PDB file of N, CA and C in Angstrom:
ATOM      1  N   MET A   1    -182.477  40.653 107.333  1.00  0.00           N
ATOM      2  CA  MET A   1    -181.053  41.326 107.898  1.00  0.00           C
ATOM      3  C   MET A   1    -181.827  42.567 108.203  1.00  0.00           C
ATOM      4  N   ASP A   2    -181.510  43.337 109.266  1.00  0.00           N
ATOM      5  CA  ASP A   2    -182.176  45.031 108.885  1.00  0.00           C
ATOM      6  C   ASP A   2    -181.429  46.001 107.708  1.00  0.00           C
ATOM      7  N   LEU A   3    -182.051  46.448 107.095  1.00  0.00           N
ATOM      8  CA  LEU A   3    -181.774  47.113 106.442  1.00  0.00           C
ATOM      9  C   LEU A   3    -180.850  48.236 106.245  1.00  0.00           C
ATOM     10  N   ASP A   4    -180.402  48.669 107.451  1.00  0.00           N
ATOM     11  CA  ASP A   4    -179.712  49.866 107.848  1.00  0.00           C
ATOM     12  C   ASP A   4    -178.271  49.419 107.995  1.00  0.00           C
ATOM     13  N   LYS A   5    -178.510  47.898 108.749  1.00  0.00           N
ATOM     14  CA  LYS A   5    -176.992  47.143 109.195  1.00  0.00           C
ATOM     15  C   LYS A   5    -176.483  46.535 107.298  1.00  0.00           C
ATOM     16  N   VAL A   6    -177.423  46.421 106.344  1.00  0.00           N
ATOM     17  CA  VAL A   6    -177.170  46.135 105.136  1.00  0.00           C
ATOM     18  C   VAL A   6    -176.329  47.346 104.318  1.00  0.00           C
ATOM     19  N   GLU A   7    -176.854  48.546 104.403  1.00  0.00           N
ATOM     20  CA  GLU A   7    -176.775  49.864 103.991  1.00  0.00           C
ATOM     21  C   GLU A   7    -175.292  50.051 104.263  1.00  0.00           C
ATOM     22  N   LYS A   8    -175.128  50.032 106.004  1.00  0.00           N
ATOM     23  CA  LYS A   8    -173.723  50.492 106.287  1.00  0.00           C
ATOM     24  C   LYS A   8    -172.650  49.315 105.700  1.00  0.00           C
ATOM     25  N   GLN A   9    -172.816  47.876 105.689  1.00  0.00           N
ATOM     26  CA  GLN A   9    -171.847  46.666 105.266  1.00  0.00           C
ATOM     27  C   GLN A   9    -171.815  47.523 103.399  1.00  0.00           C
ATOM     28  N   LEU A  10    -172.305  47.760 103.293  1.00  0.00           N
ATOM     29  CA  LEU A  10    -172.422  48.128 101.467  1.00  0.00           C
ATOM     30  C   LEU A  10    -171.602  49.404 101.662  1.00  0.00           C
ATOM     31  N   ALA A  11    -172.042  50.606 102.149  1.00  0.00           N
ATOM     32  CA  ALA A  11    -170.984  51.594 102.430  1.00  0.00           C
ATOM     33  C   ALA A  11    -169.467  51.134 102.925  1.00  0.00           C
ATOM     34  N   TYR A  12    -169.389  50.373 103.759  1.00  0.00           N
ATOM     35  CA  TYR A  12    -168.160  49.843 103.938  1.00  0.00           C
ATOM     36  C   TYR A  12    -167.146  49.278 102.629  1.00  0.00           C
ATOM     37  N   VAL A  13    -168.136  48.303 102.166  1.00  0.00           N
ATOM     38  CA  VAL A  13    -166.924  47.780 100.995  1.00  0.00           C
ATOM     39  C   VAL A  13    -166.664  48.891  99.743  1.00  0.00           C
ATOM     40  N   LYS A  14    -167.680  49.980  99.315  1.00  0.00           N
ATOM     41  CA  LYS A  14    -167.593  50.569  98.458  1.00  0.00           C
ATOM     42  C   LYS A  14    -167.051  51.449  98.847  1.00  0.00           C
ATOM     43  N   GLU A  15    -166.437  51.811 100.007  1.00  0.00           N
ATOM     44  CA  GLU A  15    -165.344  52.643 100.569  1.00  0.00           C
ATOM     45  C   GLU A  15    -163.844  51.938 100.337  1.00  0.00           C
ATOM     46  N   THR A  16    -163.590  50.810 100.728  1.00  0.00           N
ATOM     47  CA  THR A  16    -162.834  49.778 100.622  1.00  0.00           C
ATOM     48  C   THR A  16    -162.498  49.558  99.643  1.00  0.00           C
ATOM     49  N   MET A  17    -163.303  49.373  98.609  1.00  0.00           N
ATOM     50  CA  MET A  17    -162.686  49.416  97.017  1.00  0.00           C
ATOM     51  C   MET A  17    -162.713  50.320  96.204  1.00  0.00           C
ATOM     52  N   ASP A  18    -163.182  51.852  96.779  1.00  0.00           N
ATOM     53  CA  ASP A  18    -162.463  53.048  96.082  1.00  0.00           C
ATOM     54  C   ASP A  18    -161.422  53.120  96.423  1.00  0.00           C
ATOM     55  N   ALA A  19    -161.115  53.514  97.791  1.00  0.00           N
ATOM     56  CA  ALA A  19    -159.213  53.247  98.377  1.00  0.00           C
ATOM     57  C   ALA A  19    -158.542  52.806  97.444  1.00  0.00           C
ATOM     58  N   GLU A  20    -159.056  51.507  96.852  1.00  0.00           N
ATOM     59  CA  GLU A  20    -158.157  50.833  96.035  1.00  0.00           C
ATOM     60  C   GLU A  20    -157.784  50.974  95.077  1.00  0.00           C
ATOM     61  N   GLY A  21    -158.736  51.807  94.490  1.00  0.00           N
ATOM     62  CA  GLY A  21    -158.709  52.511  92.882  1.00  0.00           C
ATOM     63  C   GLY A  21    -159.715  51.580  92.274  1.00  0.00           C
ATOM     64  N   ILE A  22    -160.738  50.611  92.731  1.00  0.00           N
ATOM     65  CA  ILE A  22    -161.648  49.982  92.048  1.00  0.00           C
ATOM     66  C   ILE A  22    -162.855  50.332  91.827  1.00  0.00           C
ATOM     67  N   ASP A  23    -163.383  50.052  90.363  1.00  0.00           N
ATOM     68  CA  ASP A  23    -164.671  50.759  90.318  1.00  0.00           C
ATOM     69  C   ASP A  23    -165.738  49.775  90.742  1.00  0.00           C
ATOM     70  N   CYS A  24    -166.437  50.213  91.510  1.00  0.00           N
ATOM     71  CA  CYS A  24    -167.508  49.661  92.101  1.00  0.00           C
ATOM     72  C   CYS A  24    -169.112  50.219  92.725  1.00  0.00           C
ATOM     73  N   GLU A  25    -170.044  49.686  92.289  1.00  0.00           N
ATOM     74  CA  GLU A  25    -171.124  49.790  92.300  1.00  0.00           C
ATOM     75  C   GLU A  25    -171.876  48.739  93.833  1.00  0.00           C
ATOM     76  N   THR A  26    -172.516  50.038  94.450  1.00  0.00           N
ATOM     77  CA  THR A  26    -173.578  48.629  95.299  1.00  0.00           C
ATOM     78  C   THR A  26    -174.990  48.967  95.218  1.00  0.00           C
ATOM     79  N   HIS A  27    -176.103  47.403  95.540  1.00  0.00           N
ATOM     80  CA  HIS A  27    -177.342  47.827  94.853  1.00  0.00           C
ATOM     81  C   HIS A  27    -177.714  46.661  95.966  1.00  0.00           C
ATOM     82  N   ILE A  28    -178.953  47.084  96.631  1.00  0.00           N
ATOM     83  CA  ILE A  28    -179.595  46.006  97.325  1.00  0.00           C
ATOM     84  C   ILE A  28    -181.177  46.009  96.538  1.00  0.00           C
ATOM     85  N   LEU A  29    -181.548  44.303  96.318  1.00  0.00           N
ATOM     86  CA  LEU A  29    -182.321  44.165  95.411  1.00  0.00           C
ATOM     87  C   LEU A  29    -183.450  43.457  96.391  1.00  0.00           C
ATOM     88  N   VAL A  30    -184.495  44.068  96.446  1.00  0.00           N
ATOM     89  CA  VAL A  30    -185.720  43.311  97.069  1.00  0.00           C
ATOM     90  C   VAL A  30    -186.774  43.164  95.608  1.00  0.00           C
ATOM     91  N   ARG A  31    -186.904  42.269  95.143  1.00  0.00           N
ATOM     92  CA  ARG A  31    -187.387  42.143  93.965  1.00  0.00           C
ATOM     93  C   ARG A  31    -188.602  40.578  94.198  1.00  0.00           C
ATOM     94  N   GLY A  32    -188.600  40.347  95.489  1.00  0.00           N
ATOM     95  CA  GLY A  32    -189.475  38.878  95.503  1.00  0.00           C
ATOM     96  C   GLY A  32    -189.356  37.623  95.153  1.00  0.00           C
ATOM     97  N   LEU A  33    -187.592  37.624  94.568  1.00  0.00           N
ATOM     98  CA  LEU A  33    -186.899  36.519  93.714  1.00  0.00           C
ATOM     99  C   LEU A  33    -186.115  36.336  95.007  1.00  0.00           C
ATOM    100  N   THR A  34    -185.400  34.568  94.575  1.00  0.00           N
ATOM    101  CA  THR A  34    -184.529  34.319  95.067  1.00  0.00           C
ATOM    102  C   THR A  34    -183.416  35.049  95.306  1.00  0.00           C
ATOM    103  N   PRO A  35    -182.293  35.099  96.065  1.00  0.00           N
ATOM    104  CA  PRO A  35    -180.700  35.945  96.061  1.00  0.00           C
ATOM    105  C   PRO A  35    -180.437  35.365  94.485  1.00  0.00           C
ATOM    106  N   GLY A  36    -180.554  33.938  94.157  1.00  0.00           N
ATOM    107  CA  GLY A  36    -180.197  33.609  92.701  1.00  0.00           C
ATOM    108  C   GLY A  36    -180.702  34.449  91.041  1.00  0.00           C
ATOM    109  N   GLU A  37    -182.050  33.975  91.823  1.00  0.00           N
ATOM    110  CA  GLU A  37    -183.001  34.677  90.636  1.00  0.00           C
ATOM    111  C   GLU A  37    -182.559  36.115  90.894  1.00  0.00           C
ATOM    112  N   ASP A  38    -182.744  36.857  91.420  1.00  0.00           N
ATOM    113  CA  ASP A  38    -182.414  38.456  91.671  1.00  0.00           C
ATOM    114  C   ASP A  38    -180.820  38.750  91.070  1.00  0.00           C
ATOM    115  N   ILE A  39    -179.897  38.229  91.384  1.00  0.00           N
ATOM    116  CA  ILE A  39    -178.548  38.214  90.983  1.00  0.00           C
ATOM    117  C   ILE A  39    -178.625  38.024  89.382  1.00  0.00           C
ATOM    118  N   VAL A  40    -179.201  36.850  88.665  1.00  0.00           N
ATOM    119  CA  VAL A  40    -178.792  36.788  87.373  1.00  0.00           C
ATOM    120  C   VAL A  40    -179.820  37.882  86.548  1.00  0.00           C
ATOM    121  N   GLU A  41    -181.198  38.010  87.094  1.00  0.00           N
ATOM    122  CA  GLU A  41    -182.303  38.656  86.523  1.00  0.00           C
ATOM    123  C   GLU A  41    -181.356  40.378  86.402  1.00  0.00           C
ATOM    124  N   PHE A  42    -180.651  40.989  87.231  1.00  0.00           N
ATOM    125  CA  PHE A  42    -180.258  41.868  87.110  1.00  0.00           C
ATOM    126  C   PHE A  42    -178.707  42.258  86.717  1.00  0.00           C
ATOM    127  N   ALA A  43    -177.972  41.130  86.166  1.00  0.00           N
ATOM    128  CA  ALA A  43    -177.111  41.100  85.838  1.00  0.00           C
ATOM    129  C   ALA A  43    -177.164  41.237  84.165  1.00  0.00           C
ATOM    130  N   ALA A  44    -178.261  41.118  83.730  1.00  0.00           N
ATOM    131  CA  ALA A  44    -179.113  40.599  82.551  1.00  0.00           C
ATOM    132  C   ALA A  44    -179.359  42.071  81.944  1.00  0.00           C
ATOM    133  N   ASP A  45    -180.389  42.773  83.142  1.00  0.00           N
ATOM    134  CA  ASP A  45    -181.040  43.934  83.050  1.00  0.00           C
ATOM    135  C   ASP A  45    -179.447  44.804  82.750  1.00  0.00           C
ATOM    136  N   LYS A  46    -178.717  44.901  83.284  1.00  0.00           N
ATOM    137  CA  LYS A  46    -177.258  46.079  83.686  1.00  0.00           C
ATOM    138  C   LYS A  46    -176.297  45.630  82.527  1.00  0.00           C
ATOM    139  N   LYS A  47    -176.858  44.440  81.661  1.00  0.00           N
ATOM    140  CA  LYS A  47    -175.670  44.102  80.607  1.00  0.00           C
ATOM    141  C   LYS A  47    -174.185  43.908  81.499  1.00  0.00           C
ATOM    142  N   VAL A  48    -174.472  43.482  82.719  1.00  0.00           N
ATOM    143  CA  VAL A  48    -173.061  42.856  83.575  1.00  0.00           C
ATOM    144  C   VAL A  48    -172.486  41.977  82.337  1.00  0.00           C
ATOM    145  N   ASP A  49    -170.703  42.657  82.824  1.00  0.00           N
ATOM    146  CA  ASP A  49    -169.289  41.877  81.806  1.00  0.00           C
ATOM    147  C   ASP A  49    -169.122  40.427  83.094  1.00  0.00           C
ATOM    148  N   GLU A  50    -169.376  40.367  84.028  1.00  0.00           N
ATOM    149  CA  GLU A  50    -168.979  39.068  84.948  1.00  0.00           C
ATOM    150  C   GLU A  50    -169.461  39.599  86.435  1.00  0.00           C
ATOM    151  N   ILE A  51    -169.991  37.972  86.987  1.00  0.00           N
ATOM    152  CA  ILE A  51    -170.607  37.942  88.074  1.00  0.00           C
ATOM    153  C   ILE A  51    -169.415  37.550  89.463  1.00  0.00           C
ATOM    154  N   ILE A  52    -168.725  37.795  89.989  1.00  0.00           N
ATOM    155  CA  ILE A  52    -167.919  37.288  91.040  1.00  0.00           C
ATOM    156  C   ILE A  52    -168.489  37.145  92.066  1.00  0.00           C
ATOM    157  N   ILE A  53    -168.585  35.394  92.716  1.00  0.00           N
ATOM    158  CA  ILE A  53    -169.680  35.550  94.053  1.00  0.00           C
ATOM    159  C   ILE A  53    -168.597  34.486  95.189  1.00  0.00           C
ATOM    160  N   GLY A  54    -168.816  34.620  96.520  1.00  0.00           N
ATOM    161  CA  GLY A  54    -168.786  33.350  97.010  1.00  0.00           C
ATOM    162  C   GLY A  54    -168.911  32.528  97.417  1.00  0.00           C
ATOM    163  N   ILE A  55    -168.151  31.302  97.369  1.00  0.00           N
ATOM    164  CA  ILE A  55    -169.173  30.440  97.534  1.00  0.00           C
ATOM    165  C   ILE A  55    -168.297  29.287  98.784  1.00  0.00           C
ATOM    166  N   GLU A  56    -169.500  28.684  99.413  1.00  0.00           N
ATOM    167  CA  GLU A  56    -169.388  27.822 100.728  1.00  0.00           C
ATOM    168  C   GLU A  56    -168.846  26.065 100.462  1.00  0.00           C
ATOM    169  N   LYS A  57    -168.097  25.468 100.613  1.00  0.00           N
ATOM    170  CA  LYS A  57    -168.558  23.608  99.871  1.00  0.00           C
ATOM    171  C   LYS A  57    -169.934  23.133 100.816  1.00  0.00           C
ATOM    172  N   LYS A  58    -170.288  22.858 100.106  1.00  0.00           N
ATOM    173  CA  LYS A  58    -171.894  22.095 100.866  1.00  0.00           C
ATOM    174  C   LYS A  58    -171.541  20.874 100.367  1.00  0.00           C
ATOM    175  N   SER A  59    -172.188  19.760 100.914  1.00  0.00           N
ATOM    176  CA  SER A  59    -172.133  18.706 100.367  1.00  0.00           C
ATOM    177  C   SER A  59    -173.247  18.321  99.353  1.00  0.00           C
ATOM    178  N   LYS A  60    -173.614  17.186  98.440  1.00  0.00           N
ATOM    179  CA  LYS A  60    -174.722  16.932  97.547  1.00  0.00           C
ATOM    180  C   LYS A  60    -176.169  16.918  98.225  1.00  0.00           C
ATOM    181  N   VAL A  61    -175.987  16.355  99.301  1.00  0.00           N
ATOM    182  CA  VAL A  61    -177.174  16.442 100.076  1.00  0.00           C
ATOM    183  C   VAL A  61    -177.498  17.719 100.457  1.00  0.00           C
ATOM    184  N   GLY A  62    -176.974  18.735 100.859  1.00  0.00           N
ATOM    185  CA  GLY A  62    -177.159  20.101 101.635  1.00  0.00           C
ATOM    186  C   GLY A  62    -177.329  20.936 100.606  1.00  0.00           C
ATOM    187  N   LYS A  63    -177.043  20.703  99.047  1.00  0.00           N
ATOM    188  CA  LYS A  63    -177.251  21.587  97.907  1.00  0.00           C
ATOM    189  C   LYS A  63    -178.860  21.163  97.846  1.00  0.00           C
ATOM    190  N   LEU A  64    -179.092  19.523  97.872  1.00  0.00           N
ATOM    191  CA  LEU A  64    -180.783  19.182  97.433  1.00  0.00           C
ATOM    192  C   LEU A  64    -181.444  19.833  98.851  1.00  0.00           C
ATOM    193  N   LEU A  65    -181.451  19.832  99.765  1.00  0.00           N
ATOM    194  CA  LEU A  65    -182.237  20.183 100.917  1.00  0.00           C
ATOM    195  C   LEU A  65    -182.811  21.641 100.467  1.00  0.00           C
ATOM    196  N   PHE A  66    -180.968  22.652 100.471  1.00  0.00           N
ATOM    197  CA  PHE A  66    -181.278  23.853 100.840  1.00  0.00           C
ATOM    198  C   PHE A  66    -181.223  24.472 100.049  1.00  0.00           C
ATOM    199  N   GLY A  67    -180.906  24.174  98.764  1.00  0.00           N
ATOM    200  CA  GLY A  67    -180.706  25.304  97.412  1.00  0.00           C
ATOM    201  C   GLY A  67    -179.418  25.420  97.390  1.00  0.00           C
ATOM    202  N   SER A  68    -179.662  25.970  96.171  1.00  0.00           N
ATOM    203  CA  SER A  68    -178.125  26.716  96.042  1.00  0.00           C
ATOM    204  C   SER A  68    -177.989  28.013  94.998  1.00  0.00           C
ATOM    205  N   ASN A  69    -177.841  28.897  96.097  1.00  0.00           N
ATOM    206  CA  ASN A  69    -177.686  30.466  94.774  1.00  0.00           C
ATOM    207  C   ASN A  69    -176.588  30.172  93.870  1.00  0.00           C
ATOM    208  N   ALA A  70    -175.523  29.867  94.493  1.00  0.00           N
ATOM    209  CA  ALA A  70    -174.337  29.790  93.460  1.00  0.00           C
ATOM    210  C   ALA A  70    -174.574  29.212  92.233  1.00  0.00           C
ATOM    211  N   GLN A  71    -175.205  27.931  92.785  1.00  0.00           N
ATOM    212  CA  GLN A  71    -175.403  27.176  91.760  1.00  0.00           C
ATOM    213  C   GLN A  71    -176.036  27.482  90.695  1.00  0.00           C
ATOM    214  N   TYR A  72    -177.171  28.258  90.880  1.00  0.00           N
ATOM    215  CA  TYR A  72    -178.439  28.663  90.018  1.00  0.00           C
ATOM    216  C   TYR A  72    -177.501  30.196  88.972  1.00  0.00           C
ATOM    217  N   ILE A  73    -176.769  30.762  90.216  1.00  0.00           N
ATOM    218  CA  ILE A  73    -176.275  31.828  89.236  1.00  0.00           C
ATOM    219  C   ILE A  73    -175.167  31.536  88.131  1.00  0.00           C
ATOM    220  N   ILE A  74    -174.417  30.228  88.237  1.00  0.00           N
ATOM    221  CA  ILE A  74    -173.287  29.673  87.482  1.00  0.00           C
ATOM    222  C   ILE A  74    -174.402  28.905  86.426  1.00  0.00           C
ATOM    223  N   LEU A  75    -175.220  28.765  86.714  1.00  0.00           N
ATOM    224  CA  LEU A  75    -175.874  27.830  85.367  1.00  0.00           C
ATOM    225  C   LEU A  75    -176.816  28.570  84.648  1.00  0.00           C
ATOM    226  N   GLN A  76    -177.142  29.517  85.178  1.00  0.00           N
ATOM    227  CA  GLN A  76    -178.390  30.680  84.519  1.00  0.00           C
ATOM    228  C   GLN A  76    -178.212  31.779  84.157  1.00  0.00           C
ATOM    229  N   SER A  77    -176.740  31.744  84.375  1.00  0.00           N
ATOM    230  CA  SER A  77    -176.510  34.203  84.288  1.00  0.00           C
ATOM    231  C   SER A  77    -175.489  33.457  82.554  1.00  0.00           C
ATOM    232  N   ALA A  78    -175.846  34.724  82.008  1.00  0.00           N
ATOM    233  CA  ALA A  78    -175.897  34.846  80.703  1.00  0.00           C
ATOM    234  C   ALA A  78    -174.173  35.537  80.319  1.00  0.00           C
ATOM    235  N   CYS A  79    -173.618  35.781  81.468  1.00  0.00           N
ATOM    236  CA  CYS A  79    -172.328  36.240  81.175  1.00  0.00           C
ATOM    237  C   CYS A  79    -171.633  35.520  82.071  1.00  0.00           C
ATOM    238  N   PRO A  80    -170.016  35.307  82.339  1.00  0.00           N
ATOM    239  CA  PRO A  80    -169.318  34.745  82.534  1.00  0.00           C
ATOM    240  C   PRO A  80    -169.594  34.630  84.143  1.00  0.00           C
ATOM    241  N   VAL A  81    -169.432  33.696  84.981  1.00  0.00           N
ATOM    242  CA  VAL A  81    -168.780  33.481  86.751  1.00  0.00           C
ATOM    243  C   VAL A  81    -168.325  33.487  86.921  1.00  0.00           C
ATOM    244  N   VAL A  82    -167.374  33.958  88.147  1.00  0.00           N
ATOM    245  CA  VAL A  82    -166.098  33.638  88.670  1.00  0.00           C
ATOM    246  C   VAL A  82    -166.620  33.180  90.100  1.00  0.00           C
ATOM    247  N   SER A  83    -166.206  32.215  90.869  1.00  0.00           N
ATOM    248  CA  SER A  83    -166.820  31.579  92.250  1.00  0.00           C
ATOM    249  C   SER A  83    -165.626  31.391  92.615  1.00  0.00           C
ATOM    250  N   VAL A  84    -165.154  32.231  93.840  1.00  0.00           N
ATOM    251  CA  VAL A  84    -164.468  32.067  94.959  1.00  0.00           C
ATOM    252  C   VAL A  84    -164.656  31.639  96.114  1.00  0.00           C
ATOM    253  N   LYS A  85    -163.786  30.796  96.520  1.00  0.00           N
ATOM    254  CA  LYS A  85    -164.258  29.707  98.040  1.00  0.00           C
ATOM    255  C   LYS A  85    -163.515  30.620  99.206  1.00  0.00           C
TER     256      LYS A  85
END
């Protein structure tokens, strides 16, 4: 994805959260790891209290072939993870 597009999307999310009175920080992680590894490592570094992730329903074969960042985060995170479908 184009970095400018991602930054604009994150700014929109931040504005929406601020308008609702919800504290929010946004970060773009480019560390050379998988997305799941990046999130788990970032959460550990920042001592995050909870991770909330959106998931899509995939078959077991789909997870085997394509991997699952959500599954990695749920299994490897040191803090609680809430998954939202």
